[in-house]
Amino acid sequence: MRQNIKIPRILKINWIRELSISVVFNNGESRIIDFRKVLKQLNVDKNSPANILFNSNEFTKIELVDNTLSWNNVEQYITMRNGEKMKVPYEIGADVLLKFSHPEKSEISLRLGQMVREARLKKGLTQQDLALKSGTSRTYISRIENDRSDLELATLRKIIETGLGKRLEISIK
């Protein structure tokens, strides 16, 4: 039987701040990568050509190439079979980057949990009451309100419309 191997890929760079970067992986998740930790874990020292990436001006020369992060400004060479040296970009695979990253909480998800909590309290409901009305569990309601859980749209709709008796509206701006 053939197994599906899911290889992480980076689809987009959201932002770069000093030596941290936010990217979107192909699983749809935005994640933050702290390259101080990554470069140290990869044993990039003063003798390594990649050491220049500890300089934020050099670090920001990053590009997204073939779904991975690439720096063409690192003086890195490989030797060809004929003995010639060829310059290649410094790249770190998306699988390594996924391992060293952590989820980025979006502003909307942070507000969503707060909005659910405020609406629940306004109706005088406990988390248990809301869970029973919406067909979920109290711990799930708690995780939503404390921004510890991702929501599926159908579940959000059930909580808002069935549990809170409100109307869910979503817009894209």
Protein backbone atom coordinates (compact mmCIF):
# COMPACT_ATOMS: atom_id res chain seq x y z
CA MET A 1 0.00 0.00 0.00
CA ARG A 2 1.32 3.43 -0.97
CA GLN A 3 1.50 6.08 1.74
CA ASN A 4 0.87 9.76 1.19
CA ILE A 5 3.82 11.68 2.55
CA LYS A 6 2.94 15.25 3.36
CA ILE A 7 5.92 17.48 2.72
CA PRO A 8 5.63 20.96 4.20
CA ARG A 9 6.00 23.86 1.79
CA ILE A 10 6.04 27.58 2.37
CA LEU A 11 3.48 29.45 0.30
CA LYS A 12 3.99 33.05 1.39
CA ILE A 13 6.12 35.34 3.53
CA ASN A 14 3.81 37.46 5.73
CA TRP A 15 6.38 39.68 7.39
CA ILE A 16 10.04 39.94 8.44
CA ARG A 17 11.11 41.61 11.71
CA GLU A 18 14.79 41.55 12.59
CA LEU A 19 15.63 37.82 12.56
CA SER A 20 12.06 36.55 12.83
CA ILE A 21 9.75 35.79 9.97
CA SER A 22 6.10 34.84 9.60
CA VAL A 23 5.23 32.45 6.79
CA VAL A 24 2.18 30.56 5.57
CA PHE A 25 2.69 26.81 5.19
CA ASN A 26 0.70 24.68 2.76
CA ASN A 27 -1.46 23.42 5.63
CA GLY A 28 -2.86 26.97 5.79
CA GLU A 29 -1.19 27.79 9.06
CA SER A 30 0.73 31.02 9.64
CA ARG A 31 3.80 30.30 11.72
CA ILE A 32 6.62 32.38 13.18
CA ILE A 33 10.24 31.29 12.85
CA ASP A 34 12.94 32.79 15.08
CA PHE A 35 16.11 32.45 13.03
CA ARG A 36 18.42 33.17 15.96
CA LYS A 37 17.37 29.76 17.27
CA VAL A 38 17.37 28.08 13.84
CA LEU A 39 20.86 29.27 12.88
CA LYS A 40 22.27 28.32 16.28
CA GLN A 41 20.61 24.88 16.08
CA LEU A 42 22.14 24.41 12.62
CA ASN A 43 25.55 25.25 14.12
CA VAL A 44 26.07 28.38 12.03
CA ASP A 45 29.18 29.88 13.60
CA LYS A 46 31.57 32.76 12.82
CA ASN A 47 33.38 30.69 10.19
CA SER A 48 30.22 29.78 8.29
CA PRO A 49 29.25 31.79 5.20
CA ALA A 50 25.71 31.85 6.60
CA ASN A 51 26.94 33.82 9.62
CA ILE A 52 26.01 37.03 7.76
CA LEU A 53 22.36 36.12 8.33
CA PHE A 54 22.74 37.18 11.97
CA ASN A 55 22.84 40.71 10.50
CA SER A 56 19.22 41.79 10.04
CA ASN A 57 20.05 43.81 6.88
CA GLU A 58 21.47 40.68 5.23
CA PHE A 59 18.73 38.47 6.66
CA THR A 60 15.98 40.56 5.01
CA LYS A 61 17.40 39.76 1.57
CA ILE A 62 15.41 36.55 1.83
CA GLU A 63 13.40 35.19 -1.11
CA LEU A 64 10.79 32.51 -1.45
CA VAL A 65 12.07 30.08 -4.09
CA ASP A 66 10.35 26.79 -4.88
CA ASN A 67 8.38 26.90 -1.61
CA THR A 68 11.38 27.29 0.66
CA LEU A 69 13.36 30.22 2.03
CA SER A 70 16.49 31.17 0.15
CA TRP A 71 19.31 33.70 0.54
CA ASN A 72 21.37 34.47 -2.56
CA ASN A 73 23.61 36.86 -0.58
CA VAL A 74 25.37 34.03 1.29
CA GLU A 75 28.70 33.18 -0.39
CA GLN A 76 28.19 29.43 -0.63
CA TYR A 77 29.69 27.24 -3.35
CA ILE A 78 29.53 23.65 -4.45
CA THR A 79 32.18 21.86 -6.47
CA MET A 80 30.99 20.38 -9.74
CA ARG A 81 32.24 17.05 -11.13
CA ASN A 82 34.56 18.89 -13.49
CA GLY A 83 36.14 20.69 -10.50
CA GLU A 84 34.54 24.06 -11.16
CA LYS A 85 32.92 25.89 -8.26
CA MET A 86 29.37 27.11 -8.61
CA LYS A 87 27.65 29.62 -6.30
CA VAL A 88 24.38 28.34 -4.81
CA PRO A 89 21.89 30.06 -2.53
CA TYR A 90 21.71 29.22 1.16
CA GLU A 91 18.44 27.40 1.77
CA ILE A 92 16.79 25.78 4.74
CA GLY A 93 14.13 23.21 3.99
CA ALA A 94 10.53 23.86 4.94
CA ASP A 95 10.49 20.63 6.99
CA VAL A 96 13.25 22.00 9.25
CA LEU A 97 11.56 25.40 9.43
CA LEU A 98 8.22 23.86 10.38
CA LYS A 99 9.90 22.05 13.26
CA PHE A 100 11.46 25.29 14.58
CA SER A 101 8.33 27.44 14.20
CA HIS A 102 5.33 28.16 16.34
CA PRO A 103 1.78 29.12 15.33
CA GLU A 104 1.02 32.78 14.84
CA LYS A 105 -2.22 33.88 16.42
CA SER A 106 -4.15 36.01 14.00
CA GLU A 107 -5.78 39.18 15.23
CA ILE A 108 -9.20 37.88 14.21
CA SER A 109 -8.86 34.66 16.18
CA LEU A 110 -7.81 36.63 19.25
CA ARG A 111 -10.89 38.85 18.93
CA LEU A 112 -13.16 35.90 18.16
CA GLY A 113 -12.56 34.19 21.50
CA GLN A 114 -13.15 37.46 23.31
CA MET A 115 -16.35 38.09 21.32
CA VAL A 116 -17.72 34.62 22.15
CA ARG A 117 -16.95 35.13 25.86
CA GLU A 118 -18.59 38.58 25.93
CA ALA A 119 -21.72 37.35 24.13
CA ARG A 120 -21.97 34.33 26.45
CA LEU A 121 -21.67 36.47 29.58
CA LYS A 122 -24.16 39.03 28.23
CA LYS A 123 -26.72 36.20 27.82
CA GLY A 124 -25.93 35.01 31.36
CA LEU A 125 -24.67 31.63 30.19
CA THR A 126 -21.91 29.52 31.68
CA GLN A 127 -19.47 27.74 29.41
CA GLN A 128 -21.35 24.52 30.22
CA ASP A 129 -24.69 26.12 29.26
CA LEU A 130 -23.30 27.30 25.91
CA ALA A 131 -21.72 23.92 25.25
CA LEU A 132 -25.01 22.10 25.87
CA LYS A 133 -26.98 24.51 23.67
CA SER A 134 -24.48 24.31 20.80
CA GLY A 135 -23.64 20.60 20.98
CA THR A 136 -19.99 21.01 21.95
CA SER A 137 -18.09 20.52 25.19
CA ARG A 138 -17.33 22.97 27.98
CA THR A 139 -13.60 22.45 27.45
CA TYR A 140 -13.99 23.30 23.75
CA ILE A 141 -15.82 26.55 24.62
CA SER A 142 -13.05 27.33 27.11
CA ARG A 143 -10.33 26.68 24.50
CA ILE A 144 -12.10 28.99 22.03
CA GLU A 145 -12.49 31.78 24.57
CA ASN A 146 -8.84 31.46 25.59
CA ASP A 147 -7.58 31.28 21.99
CA ARG A 148 -6.30 27.74 22.43
CA SER A 149 -8.24 26.15 19.59
CA ASP A 150 -8.78 26.68 15.90
CA LEU A 151 -12.39 26.83 14.85
CA GLU A 152 -14.10 25.22 11.93
CA LEU A 153 -16.64 27.49 10.31
CA ALA A 154 -19.52 25.03 10.83
CA THR A 155 -18.72 24.76 14.54
CA LEU A 156 -18.43 28.52 14.92
CA ARG A 157 -21.80 28.94 13.22
CA LYS A 158 -23.37 26.34 15.54
CA ILE A 159 -22.00 28.10 18.64
CA ILE A 160 -23.03 31.59 17.51
CA GLU A 161 -26.41 30.82 15.97
CA THR A 162 -27.63 27.84 17.99
CA GLY A 163 -25.84 28.38 21.28
CA LEU A 164 -25.97 32.19 21.52
CA GLY A 165 -29.02 32.82 19.33
CA LYS A 166 -27.08 35.37 17.28
CA ARG A 167 -26.47 35.68 13.54
CA LEU A 168 -22.98 34.98 12.20
CA GLU A 169 -21.74 37.36 9.51
CA ILE A 170 -18.34 37.07 7.86
CA SER A 171 -16.76 39.53 5.49
CA ILE A 172 -13.54 39.74 3.55
CA LYS A 173 -12.02 43.20 3.28
